[in-house]
Amino acid sequence: MLDEPAAGLNSNEALVFGEILKRLRQTQVQSIVIVEHNMGLVMGLCDRLVVMNFGQKLTEGTPMQVQGNPQVIEAYLGKARA
């Protein structure tokens, strides 16, 4: 279980950290639970995501499914103006 492990890392450090986690997952453990706001890291690392919004599960799925989910887009990017 990792809680905000990329906090304070610059983009290059986050990339290196992501590669370390990928190797760890492949060689040592079955799964990693990660709470993280660095979406580049999360989308490049995870097979499945659970998206939370105000403490409630908004959706879950693959990175591709989550990125295209209208509820996720609205919750995290805001509603488009008409």
C-alpha atoms as a PDB file:
ATOM      1  CA  MET A   1       0.000   0.000   0.000  1.00  0.00           C
ATOM      2  CA  LEU A   2       1.512   3.295  -1.112  1.00  0.00           C
ATOM      3  CA  ASP A   3      -0.017   6.654  -0.225  1.00  0.00           C
ATOM      4  CA  GLU A   4       1.079   9.499  -2.509  1.00  0.00           C
ATOM      5  CA  PRO A   5       4.541   8.052  -3.191  1.00  0.00           C
ATOM      6  CA  ALA A   6       5.258  10.539  -5.994  1.00  0.00           C
ATOM      7  CA  ALA A   7       4.507  13.601  -3.858  1.00  0.00           C
ATOM      8  CA  GLY A   8       7.503  15.900  -4.064  1.00  0.00           C
ATOM      9  CA  LEU A   9       9.072  14.105  -7.027  1.00  0.00           C
ATOM     10  CA  ASN A  10       9.790  15.957 -10.250  1.00  0.00           C
ATOM     11  CA  SER A  11       8.609  14.415 -13.526  1.00  0.00           C
ATOM     12  CA  ASN A  12      11.889  12.583 -14.204  1.00  0.00           C
ATOM     13  CA  GLU A  13      11.994  11.159 -10.685  1.00  0.00           C
ATOM     14  CA  ALA A  14       8.366  10.030 -11.023  1.00  0.00           C
ATOM     15  CA  LEU A  15       9.210   8.188 -14.270  1.00  0.00           C
ATOM     16  CA  VAL A  16      12.115   6.382 -12.597  1.00  0.00           C
ATOM     17  CA  PHE A  17       9.943   5.572  -9.595  1.00  0.00           C
ATOM     18  CA  GLY A  18       7.246   4.184 -11.905  1.00  0.00           C
ATOM     19  CA  GLU A  19       9.780   1.880 -13.555  1.00  0.00           C
ATOM     20  CA  ILE A  20      10.915   0.654 -10.138  1.00  0.00           C
ATOM     21  CA  LEU A  21       7.302  -0.127  -9.195  1.00  0.00           C
ATOM     22  CA  LYS A  22       6.749  -1.981 -12.484  1.00  0.00           C
ATOM     23  CA  ARG A  23       9.814  -4.159 -11.859  1.00  0.00           C
ATOM     24  CA  LEU A  24       8.743  -4.765  -8.260  1.00  0.00           C
ATOM     25  CA  ARG A  25       5.285  -5.801  -9.376  1.00  0.00           C
ATOM     26  CA  GLN A  26       6.684  -8.158 -12.026  1.00  0.00           C
ATOM     27  CA  THR A  27       9.246  -9.835  -9.800  1.00  0.00           C
ATOM     28  CA  GLN A  28       8.133  -9.639  -6.190  1.00  0.00           C
ATOM     29  CA  VAL A  29       4.435  -9.058  -5.599  1.00  0.00           C
ATOM     30  CA  GLN A  30       1.044  -9.876  -7.055  1.00  0.00           C
ATOM     31  CA  SER A  31      -0.403  -6.388  -6.750  1.00  0.00           C
ATOM     32  CA  ILE A  32       0.251  -2.922  -5.418  1.00  0.00           C
ATOM     33  CA  VAL A  33      -2.396  -0.613  -3.988  1.00  0.00           C
ATOM     34  CA  ILE A  34      -1.473   2.994  -4.714  1.00  0.00           C
ATOM     35  CA  VAL A  35      -3.216   6.241  -3.805  1.00  0.00           C
ATOM     36  CA  GLU A  36      -1.776   8.872  -6.117  1.00  0.00           C
ATOM     37  CA  HIS A  37      -2.664  12.150  -7.817  1.00  0.00           C
ATOM     38  CA  ASN A  38       0.094  11.979 -10.451  1.00  0.00           C
ATOM     39  CA  MET A  39      -2.071  10.758 -13.327  1.00  0.00           C
ATOM     40  CA  GLY A  40       0.869  10.195 -15.664  1.00  0.00           C
ATOM     41  CA  LEU A  41       2.363   7.777 -13.153  1.00  0.00           C
ATOM     42  CA  VAL A  42      -0.951   6.077 -12.441  1.00  0.00           C
ATOM     43  CA  MET A  43      -1.991   5.650 -16.086  1.00  0.00           C
ATOM     44  CA  GLY A  44       1.392   4.231 -17.040  1.00  0.00           C
ATOM     45  CA  LEU A  45       1.611   1.869 -14.087  1.00  0.00           C
ATOM     46  CA  CYS A  46      -1.826   0.463 -13.349  1.00  0.00           C
ATOM     47  CA  ASP A  47      -3.806  -2.300 -15.020  1.00  0.00           C
ATOM     48  CA  ARG A  48      -6.997  -1.353 -13.168  1.00  0.00           C
ATOM     49  CA  LEU A  49      -8.061   1.840 -11.441  1.00  0.00           C
ATOM     50  CA  VAL A  50     -10.683   2.766  -8.911  1.00  0.00           C
ATOM     51  CA  VAL A  51     -11.578   6.454  -9.019  1.00  0.00           C
ATOM     52  CA  MET A  52     -12.831   8.060  -5.830  1.00  0.00           C
ATOM     53  CA  ASN A  53     -14.696  11.345  -5.550  1.00  0.00           C
ATOM     54  CA  PHE A  54     -15.477  12.834  -2.134  1.00  0.00           C
ATOM     55  CA  GLY A  55     -14.892   9.450  -0.480  1.00  0.00           C
ATOM     56  CA  GLN A  56     -17.222   7.539  -2.793  1.00  0.00           C
ATOM     57  CA  LYS A  57     -16.294   5.166  -5.591  1.00  0.00           C
ATOM     58  CA  LEU A  58     -17.013   6.930  -8.867  1.00  0.00           C
ATOM     59  CA  THR A  59     -15.933   4.181 -11.262  1.00  0.00           C
ATOM     60  CA  GLU A  60     -13.367   1.489 -11.911  1.00  0.00           C
ATOM     61  CA  GLY A  61     -11.785  -0.019 -14.985  1.00  0.00           C
ATOM     62  CA  THR A  62      -8.732   0.036 -17.174  1.00  0.00           C
ATOM     63  CA  PRO A  63      -6.827   3.304 -17.598  1.00  0.00           C
ATOM     64  CA  MET A  64      -8.420   3.726 -21.045  1.00  0.00           C
ATOM     65  CA  GLN A  65     -11.937   3.208 -19.670  1.00  0.00           C
ATOM     66  CA  VAL A  66     -11.377   5.608 -16.789  1.00  0.00           C
ATOM     67  CA  GLN A  67      -9.854   8.345 -18.962  1.00  0.00           C
ATOM     68  CA  GLY A  68     -12.901   8.340 -21.228  1.00  0.00           C
ATOM     69  CA  ASN A  69     -15.501   8.205 -18.461  1.00  0.00           C
ATOM     70  CA  PRO A  70     -17.663  11.374 -18.549  1.00  0.00           C
ATOM     71  CA  GLN A  71     -18.168  11.280 -14.751  1.00  0.00           C
ATOM     72  CA  VAL A  72     -14.412  11.227 -14.176  1.00  0.00           C
ATOM     73  CA  ILE A  73     -13.865  14.051 -16.650  1.00  0.00           C
ATOM     74  CA  GLU A  74     -16.530  16.175 -14.973  1.00  0.00           C
ATOM     75  CA  ALA A  75     -15.315  15.416 -11.434  1.00  0.00           C
ATOM     76  CA  TYR A  76     -11.655  16.088 -12.116  1.00  0.00           C
ATOM     77  CA  LEU A  77     -11.663  18.574 -15.002  1.00  0.00           C
ATOM     78  CA  GLY A  78     -14.975  20.328 -14.449  1.00  0.00           C
ATOM     79  CA  LYS A  79     -18.091  20.579 -16.538  1.00  0.00           C
ATOM     80  CA  ALA A  80     -17.733  22.018 -20.028  1.00  0.00           C
ATOM     81  CA  ARG A  81     -19.473  25.344 -20.518  1.00  0.00           C
ATOM     82  CA  ALA A  82     -22.314  25.377 -23.021  1.00  0.00           C
END
